[in-house]
């Protein structure tokens, strides 16, 4: 998964399939850790609570044609 580009307001967005193992596991344990690293080995680690959001308007805002390769039936 990759972080979606959106103005940062304290939330980090990802697009995932509801059927994926990761999304299924969030339903039972919503505590997550995100780690980002640069090519010069600077890093940040973020701990938080994940929520699954099923909102077509947000999906439309974040969607890119590149994601079609990962979602058999599109959005």
PDB file of N, CA and C in Angstrom:
ATOM      1  N   UNK A   1       0.839  -1.180   0.000  1.00  0.00           N
ATOM      2  CA  UNK A   1       0.000   0.000   0.000  1.00  0.00           C
ATOM      3  C   UNK A   1       0.880   1.238   0.000  1.00  0.00           C
ATOM      4  N   UNK A   2       0.326   2.284  -0.536  1.00  0.00           N
ATOM      5  CA  UNK A   2       1.044   3.550  -0.555  1.00  0.00           C
ATOM      6  C   UNK A   2       0.154   4.654   0.000  1.00  0.00           C
ATOM      7  N   UNK A   3       0.767   5.592   0.674  1.00  0.00           N
ATOM      8  CA  UNK A   3       0.033   6.717   1.231  1.00  0.00           C
ATOM      9  C   UNK A   3      -0.551   7.551   0.100  1.00  0.00           C
ATOM     10  N   UNK A   4      -1.798   7.963   0.262  1.00  0.00           N
ATOM     11  CA  UNK A   4      -2.456   8.784  -0.743  1.00  0.00           C
ATOM     12  C   UNK A   4      -2.124  10.251  -0.527  1.00  0.00           C
ATOM     13  N   UNK A   5      -1.888  10.958  -1.628  1.00  0.00           N
ATOM     14  CA  UNK A   5      -1.590  12.392  -1.552  1.00  0.00           C
ATOM     15  C   UNK A   5      -2.873  13.155  -1.252  1.00  0.00           C
ATOM     16  N   UNK A   6      -2.847  13.830  -0.143  1.00  0.00           N
ATOM     17  CA  UNK A   6      -3.982  14.630   0.281  1.00  0.00           C
ATOM     18  C   UNK A   6      -3.443  15.629   1.286  1.00  0.00           C
ATOM     19  N   UNK A   7      -4.048  16.809   1.357  1.00  0.00           N
ATOM     20  CA  UNK A   7      -3.589  17.788   2.335  1.00  0.00           C
ATOM     21  C   UNK A   7      -3.635  17.160   3.724  1.00  0.00           C
ATOM     22  N   UNK A   8      -2.513  17.238   4.450  1.00  0.00           N
ATOM     23  CA  UNK A   8      -2.422  16.564   5.750  1.00  0.00           C
ATOM     24  C   UNK A   8      -3.226  17.313   6.804  1.00  0.00           C
ATOM     25  N   UNK A   9      -4.128  16.589   7.446  1.00  0.00           N
ATOM     26  CA  UNK A   9      -4.948  17.144   8.516  1.00  0.00           C
ATOM     27  C   UNK A   9      -4.922  16.235   9.744  1.00  0.00           C
ATOM     28  N   UNK A  10      -3.856  15.452   9.847  1.00  0.00           N
ATOM     29  CA  UNK A  10      -3.754  14.507  10.949  1.00  0.00           C
ATOM     30  C   UNK A  10      -4.182  13.103  10.566  1.00  0.00           C
ATOM     31  N   UNK A  11      -4.696  12.951   9.346  1.00  0.00           N
ATOM     32  CA  UNK A  11      -5.128  11.642   8.863  1.00  0.00           C
ATOM     33  C   UNK A  11      -4.240  11.210   7.703  1.00  0.00           C
ATOM     34  N   UNK A  12      -3.983   9.916   7.625  1.00  0.00           N
ATOM     35  CA  UNK A  12      -3.219   9.333   6.523  1.00  0.00           C
ATOM     36  C   UNK A  12      -4.160   8.370   5.814  1.00  0.00           C
ATOM     37  N   UNK A  13      -4.248   8.466   4.494  1.00  0.00           N
ATOM     38  CA  UNK A  13      -5.198   7.667   3.717  1.00  0.00           C
ATOM     39  C   UNK A  13      -4.489   6.632   2.853  1.00  0.00           C
ATOM     40  N   UNK A  14      -5.123   5.459   2.758  1.00  0.00           N
ATOM     41  CA  UNK A  14      -4.690   4.377   1.883  1.00  0.00           C
ATOM     42  C   UNK A  14      -5.921   3.842   1.168  1.00  0.00           C
ATOM     43  N   UNK A  15      -5.719   3.229   0.025  1.00  0.00           N
ATOM     44  CA  UNK A  15      -6.798   2.534  -0.668  1.00  0.00           C
ATOM     45  C   UNK A  15      -6.502   1.048  -0.571  1.00  0.00           C
ATOM     46  N   UNK A  16      -7.484   0.285  -0.115  1.00  0.00           N
ATOM     47  CA  UNK A  16      -7.302  -1.155   0.016  1.00  0.00           C
ATOM     48  C   UNK A  16      -8.596  -1.894  -0.245  1.00  0.00           C
ATOM     49  N   UNK A  17      -8.481  -3.142  -0.575  1.00  0.00           N
ATOM     50  CA  UNK A  17      -9.649  -3.988  -0.790  1.00  0.00           C
ATOM     51  C   UNK A  17     -10.217  -4.440   0.546  1.00  0.00           C
ATOM     52  N   UNK A  18     -11.540  -4.347   0.682  1.00  0.00           N
ATOM     53  CA  UNK A  18     -12.193  -4.812   1.915  1.00  0.00           C
ATOM     54  C   UNK A  18     -11.912  -6.293   2.164  1.00  0.00           C
ATOM     55  N   UNK A  19     -11.613  -7.028   1.096  1.00  0.00           N
ATOM     56  CA  UNK A  19     -11.364  -8.466   1.205  1.00  0.00           C
ATOM     57  C   UNK A  19      -9.915  -8.792   1.554  1.00  0.00           C
ATOM     58  N   UNK A  20      -9.035  -7.796   1.559  1.00  0.00           N
ATOM     59  CA  UNK A  20      -7.617  -8.059   1.815  1.00  0.00           C
ATOM     60  C   UNK A  20      -7.387  -8.480   3.263  1.00  0.00           C
ATOM     61  N   UNK A  21      -6.331  -9.231   3.467  1.00  0.00           N
ATOM     62  CA  UNK A  21      -5.971  -9.686   4.811  1.00  0.00           C
ATOM     63  C   UNK A  21      -5.728  -8.496   5.741  1.00  0.00           C
ATOM     64  N   UNK A  22      -5.087  -7.465   5.226  1.00  0.00           N
ATOM     65  CA  UNK A  22      -4.794  -6.289   6.051  1.00  0.00           C
ATOM     66  C   UNK A  22      -6.083  -5.602   6.512  1.00  0.00           C
ATOM     67  N   UNK A  23      -6.998  -5.364   5.594  1.00  0.00           N
ATOM     68  CA  UNK A  23      -8.257  -4.713   5.978  1.00  0.00           C
ATOM     69  C   UNK A  23      -9.068  -5.594   6.923  1.00  0.00           C
ATOM     70  N   UNK A  24      -9.037  -6.886   6.718  1.00  0.00           N
ATOM     71  CA  UNK A  24      -9.738  -7.797   7.626  1.00  0.00           C
ATOM     72  C   UNK A  24      -9.129  -7.736   9.023  1.00  0.00           C
ATOM     73  N   UNK A  25      -7.806  -7.665   9.110  1.00  0.00           N
ATOM     74  CA  UNK A  25      -7.158  -7.642  10.424  1.00  0.00           C
ATOM     75  C   UNK A  25      -7.426  -6.332  11.163  1.00  0.00           C
ATOM     76  N   UNK A  26      -7.616  -5.237  10.442  1.00  0.00           N
ATOM     77  CA  UNK A  26      -7.924  -3.952  11.083  1.00  0.00           C
ATOM     78  C   UNK A  26      -9.268  -4.023  11.806  1.00  0.00           C
ATOM     79  N   UNK A  27     -10.172  -4.854  11.319  1.00  0.00           N
ATOM     80  CA  UNK A  27     -11.474  -4.995  11.972  1.00  0.00           C
ATOM     81  C   UNK A  27     -11.350  -5.608  13.360  1.00  0.00           C
ATOM     82  N   UNK A  28     -10.330  -6.420  13.587  1.00  0.00           N
ATOM     83  CA  UNK A  28     -10.156  -7.049  14.901  1.00  0.00           C
ATOM     84  C   UNK A  28      -9.094  -6.370  15.750  1.00  0.00           C
ATOM     85  N   UNK A  29      -8.141  -5.688  15.121  1.00  0.00           N
ATOM     86  CA  UNK A  29      -7.101  -4.964  15.861  1.00  0.00           C
ATOM     87  C   UNK A  29      -6.745  -3.721  15.059  1.00  0.00           C
ATOM     88  N   UNK A  30      -7.256  -2.587  15.487  1.00  0.00           N
ATOM     89  CA  UNK A  30      -7.108  -1.358  14.707  1.00  0.00           C
ATOM     90  C   UNK A  30      -5.841  -0.564  15.025  1.00  0.00           C
ATOM     91  N   UNK A  31      -4.990  -1.071  15.918  1.00  0.00           N
ATOM     92  CA  UNK A  31      -3.731  -0.385  16.226  1.00  0.00           C
ATOM     93  C   UNK A  31      -2.728  -0.662  15.108  1.00  0.00           C
ATOM     94  N   UNK A  32      -2.177   0.402  14.525  1.00  0.00           N
ATOM     95  CA  UNK A  32      -1.259   0.256  13.395  1.00  0.00           C
ATOM     96  C   UNK A  32       0.008   1.072  13.619  1.00  0.00           C
ATOM     97  N   UNK A  33       1.043   0.716  12.886  1.00  0.00           N
ATOM     98  CA  UNK A  33       2.285   1.477  12.881  1.00  0.00           C
ATOM     99  C   UNK A  33       2.689   1.687  11.427  1.00  0.00           C
ATOM    100  N   UNK A  34       2.970   2.928  11.067  1.00  0.00           N
ATOM    101  CA  UNK A  34       3.437   3.260   9.729  1.00  0.00           C
ATOM    102  C   UNK A  34       4.886   3.687   9.832  1.00  0.00           C
ATOM    103  N   UNK A  35       5.706   3.237   8.914  1.00  0.00           N
ATOM    104  CA  UNK A  35       7.120   3.622   8.904  1.00  0.00           C
ATOM    105  C   UNK A  35       7.473   4.113   7.508  1.00  0.00           C
ATOM    106  N   UNK A  36       8.144   5.247   7.456  1.00  0.00           N
ATOM    107  CA  UNK A  36       8.591   5.839   6.200  1.00  0.00           C
ATOM    108  C   UNK A  36      10.090   6.079   6.302  1.00  0.00           C
ATOM    109  N   UNK A  37      10.801   5.853   5.204  1.00  0.00           N
ATOM    110  CA  UNK A  37      12.254   6.059   5.196  1.00  0.00           C
ATOM    111  C   UNK A  37      12.655   6.720   3.877  1.00  0.00           C
ATOM    112  N   UNK A  38      13.627   7.619   3.953  1.00  0.00           N
ATOM    113  CA  UNK A  38      14.146   8.269   2.749  1.00  0.00           C
ATOM    114  C   UNK A  38      15.362   7.505   2.242  1.00  0.00           C
ATOM    115  N   UNK A  39      15.813   7.851   1.059  1.00  0.00           N
ATOM    116  CA  UNK A  39      16.998   7.192   0.500  1.00  0.00           C
ATOM    117  C   UNK A  39      18.253   7.500   1.311  1.00  0.00           C
ATOM    118  N   UNK A  40      18.230   8.564   2.111  1.00  0.00           N
ATOM    119  CA  UNK A  40      19.379   8.883   2.969  1.00  0.00           C
ATOM    120  C   UNK A  40      19.179   8.371   4.399  1.00  0.00           C
ATOM    121  N   UNK A  41      18.266   7.423   4.559  1.00  0.00           N
ATOM    122  CA  UNK A  41      18.006   6.732   5.826  1.00  0.00           C
ATOM    123  C   UNK A  41      17.454   7.611   6.942  1.00  0.00           C
ATOM    124  N   UNK A  42      16.768   8.677   6.595  1.00  0.00           N
ATOM    125  CA  UNK A  42      15.992   9.412   7.587  1.00  0.00           C
ATOM    126  C   UNK A  42      14.641   8.713   7.672  1.00  0.00           C
ATOM    127  N   UNK A  43      14.115   8.566   8.868  1.00  0.00           N
ATOM    128  CA  UNK A  43      12.859   7.840   8.976  1.00  0.00           C
ATOM    129  C   UNK A  43      11.933   8.466  10.010  1.00  0.00           C
ATOM    130  N   UNK A  44      10.671   8.087   9.885  1.00  0.00           N
ATOM    131  CA  UNK A  44       9.663   8.454  10.870  1.00  0.00           C
ATOM    132  C   UNK A  44       8.775   7.230  11.061  1.00  0.00           C
ATOM    133  N   UNK A  45       8.352   7.021  12.279  1.00  0.00           N
ATOM    134  CA  UNK A  45       7.461   5.923  12.618  1.00  0.00           C
ATOM    135  C   UNK A  45       6.237   6.522  13.304  1.00  0.00           C
ATOM    136  N   UNK A  46       5.062   6.168  12.822  1.00  0.00           N
ATOM    137  CA  UNK A  46       3.816   6.734  13.335  1.00  0.00           C
ATOM    138  C   UNK A  46       2.946   5.607  13.867  1.00  0.00           C
ATOM    139  N   UNK A  47       2.469   5.749  15.086  1.00  0.00           N
ATOM    140  CA  UNK A  47       1.563   4.773  15.687  1.00  0.00           C
ATOM    141  C   UNK A  47       0.191   5.415  15.808  1.00  0.00           C
ATOM    142  N   UNK A  48      -0.852   4.654  15.500  1.00  0.00           N
ATOM    143  CA  UNK A  48      -2.196   5.214  15.613  1.00  0.00           C
ATOM    144  C   UNK A  48      -3.266   4.159  15.475  1.00  0.00           C
ATOM    145  N   UNK A  49      -4.483   4.624  15.331  1.00  0.00           N
ATOM    146  CA  UNK A  49      -5.647   3.763  15.192  1.00  0.00           C
ATOM    147  C   UNK A  49      -6.177   3.872  13.770  1.00  0.00           C
ATOM    148  N   UNK A  50      -6.383   2.739  13.132  1.00  0.00           N
ATOM    149  CA  UNK A  50      -6.896   2.705  11.762  1.00  0.00           C
ATOM    150  C   UNK A  50      -8.410   2.563  11.786  1.00  0.00           C
ATOM    151  N   UNK A  51      -9.045   3.182  10.820  1.00  0.00           N
ATOM    152  CA  UNK A  51     -10.486   3.040  10.616  1.00  0.00           C
ATOM    153  C   UNK A  51     -10.719   2.700   9.159  1.00  0.00           C
ATOM    154  N   UNK A  52     -11.604   1.758   8.904  1.00  0.00           N
ATOM    155  CA  UNK A  52     -11.981   1.444   7.533  1.00  0.00           C
ATOM    156  C   UNK A  52     -13.116   2.383   7.145  1.00  0.00           C
ATOM    157  N   UNK A  53     -12.939   3.089   6.036  1.00  0.00           N
ATOM    158  CA  UNK A  53     -13.927   4.057   5.574  1.00  0.00           C
ATOM    159  C   UNK A  53     -14.422   3.606   4.207  1.00  0.00           C
ATOM    160  N   UNK A  54     -15.731   3.467   4.070  1.00  0.00           N
ATOM    161  CA  UNK A  54     -16.339   3.082   2.796  1.00  0.00           C
ATOM    162  C   UNK A  54     -17.158   4.279   2.309  1.00  0.00           C
ATOM    163  N   UNK A  55     -16.486   5.207   1.630  1.00  0.00           N
ATOM    164  CA  UNK A  55     -17.114   6.456   1.203  1.00  0.00           C
ATOM    165  C   UNK A  55     -16.726   6.717  -0.249  1.00  0.00           C
ATOM    166  N   UNK A  56     -17.684   6.607  -1.142  1.00  0.00           N
ATOM    167  CA  UNK A  56     -17.406   6.730  -2.576  1.00  0.00           C
ATOM    168  C   UNK A  56     -16.816   8.091  -2.934  1.00  0.00           C
ATOM    169  N   UNK A  57     -17.241   9.161  -2.273  1.00  0.00           N
ATOM    170  CA  UNK A  57     -16.712  10.488  -2.613  1.00  0.00           C
ATOM    171  C   UNK A  57     -15.226  10.602  -2.265  1.00  0.00           C
ATOM    172  N   UNK A  58     -14.804   9.994  -1.164  1.00  0.00           N
ATOM    173  CA  UNK A  58     -13.381  10.001  -0.803  1.00  0.00           C
ATOM    174  C   UNK A  58     -12.595   9.133  -1.783  1.00  0.00           C
ATOM    175  N   UNK A  59     -13.148   7.973  -2.125  1.00  0.00           N
ATOM    176  CA  UNK A  59     -12.482   7.106  -3.101  1.00  0.00           C
ATOM    177  C   UNK A  59     -12.319   7.833  -4.436  1.00  0.00           C
ATOM    178  N   UNK A  60     -13.355   8.539  -4.867  1.00  0.00           N
ATOM    179  CA  UNK A  60     -13.272   9.293  -6.125  1.00  0.00           C
ATOM    180  C   UNK A  60     -12.169  10.344  -6.060  1.00  0.00           C
ATOM    181  N   UNK A  61     -12.028  10.995  -4.912  1.00  0.00           N
ATOM    182  CA  UNK A  61     -11.010  12.027  -4.740  1.00  0.00           C
ATOM    183  C   UNK A  61      -9.594  11.444  -4.792  1.00  0.00           C
ATOM    184  N   UNK A  62      -9.406  10.270  -4.204  1.00  0.00           N
ATOM    185  CA  UNK A  62      -8.078   9.666  -4.102  1.00  0.00           C
ATOM    186  C   UNK A  62      -7.706   8.804  -5.308  1.00  0.00           C
ATOM    187  N   UNK A  63      -8.690   8.354  -6.062  1.00  0.00           N
ATOM    188  CA  UNK A  63      -8.487   7.369  -7.118  1.00  0.00           C
ATOM    189  C   UNK A  63      -7.593   7.884  -8.239  1.00  0.00           C
ATOM    190  N   UNK A  64      -6.785   6.970  -8.766  1.00  0.00           N
ATOM    191  CA  UNK A  64      -5.940   7.226  -9.931  1.00  0.00           C
ATOM    192  C   UNK A  64      -6.071   6.018 -10.853  1.00  0.00           C
ATOM    193  N   UNK A  65      -6.039   6.205 -12.164  1.00  0.00           N
ATOM    194  CA  UNK A  65      -6.122   5.066 -13.083  1.00  0.00           C
ATOM    195  C   UNK A  65      -5.059   3.996 -12.813  1.00  0.00           C
ATOM    196  N   UNK A  66      -3.952   4.364 -12.199  1.00  0.00           N
ATOM    197  CA  UNK A  66      -2.901   3.388 -11.886  1.00  0.00           C
ATOM    198  C   UNK A  66      -3.410   2.296 -10.948  1.00  0.00           C
ATOM    199  N   UNK A  67      -4.423   2.594 -10.134  1.00  0.00           N
ATOM    200  CA  UNK A  67      -4.939   1.612  -9.177  1.00  0.00           C
ATOM    201  C   UNK A  67      -5.749   0.507  -9.844  1.00  0.00           C
ATOM    202  N   UNK A  68      -6.173   0.725 -11.090  1.00  0.00           N
ATOM    203  CA  UNK A  68      -6.966  -0.282 -11.790  1.00  0.00           C
ATOM    204  C   UNK A  68      -6.222  -1.607 -11.903  1.00  0.00           C
ATOM    205  N   UNK A  69      -4.900  -1.574 -11.917  1.00  0.00           N
ATOM    206  CA  UNK A  69      -4.105  -2.802 -12.000  1.00  0.00           C
ATOM    207  C   UNK A  69      -4.264  -3.661 -10.750  1.00  0.00           C
ATOM    208  N   UNK A  70      -4.648  -3.054  -9.636  1.00  0.00           N
ATOM    209  CA  UNK A  70      -4.753  -3.771  -8.369  1.00  0.00           C
ATOM    210  C   UNK A  70      -6.185  -4.134  -7.992  1.00  0.00           C
ATOM    211  N   UNK A  71      -7.157  -3.566  -8.693  1.00  0.00           N
ATOM    212  CA  UNK A  71      -8.558  -3.812  -8.373  1.00  0.00           C
ATOM    213  C   UNK A  71      -9.258  -4.331  -9.619  1.00  0.00           C
ATOM    214  N   UNK A  72      -9.568  -5.607  -9.590  1.00  0.00           N
ATOM    215  CA  UNK A  72     -10.102  -6.326 -10.742  1.00  0.00           C
ATOM    216  C   UNK A  72     -11.303  -5.627 -11.379  1.00  0.00           C
ATOM    217  N   UNK A  73     -12.215  -5.137 -10.560  1.00  0.00           N
ATOM    218  CA  UNK A  73     -13.435  -4.510 -11.068  1.00  0.00           C
ATOM    219  C   UNK A  73     -13.407  -2.990 -10.945  1.00  0.00           C
ATOM    220  N   UNK A  74     -12.223  -2.404 -10.945  1.00  0.00           N
ATOM    221  CA  UNK A  74     -12.105  -0.955 -10.787  1.00  0.00           C
ATOM    222  C   UNK A  74     -12.442  -0.531  -9.376  1.00  0.00           C
ATOM    223  N   UNK A  75     -12.950   0.677  -9.239  1.00  0.00           N
ATOM    224  CA  UNK A  75     -13.293   1.209  -7.921  1.00  0.00           C
ATOM    225  C   UNK A  75     -14.339   0.339  -7.302  1.00  0.00           C
TER     226      UNK A  75
END
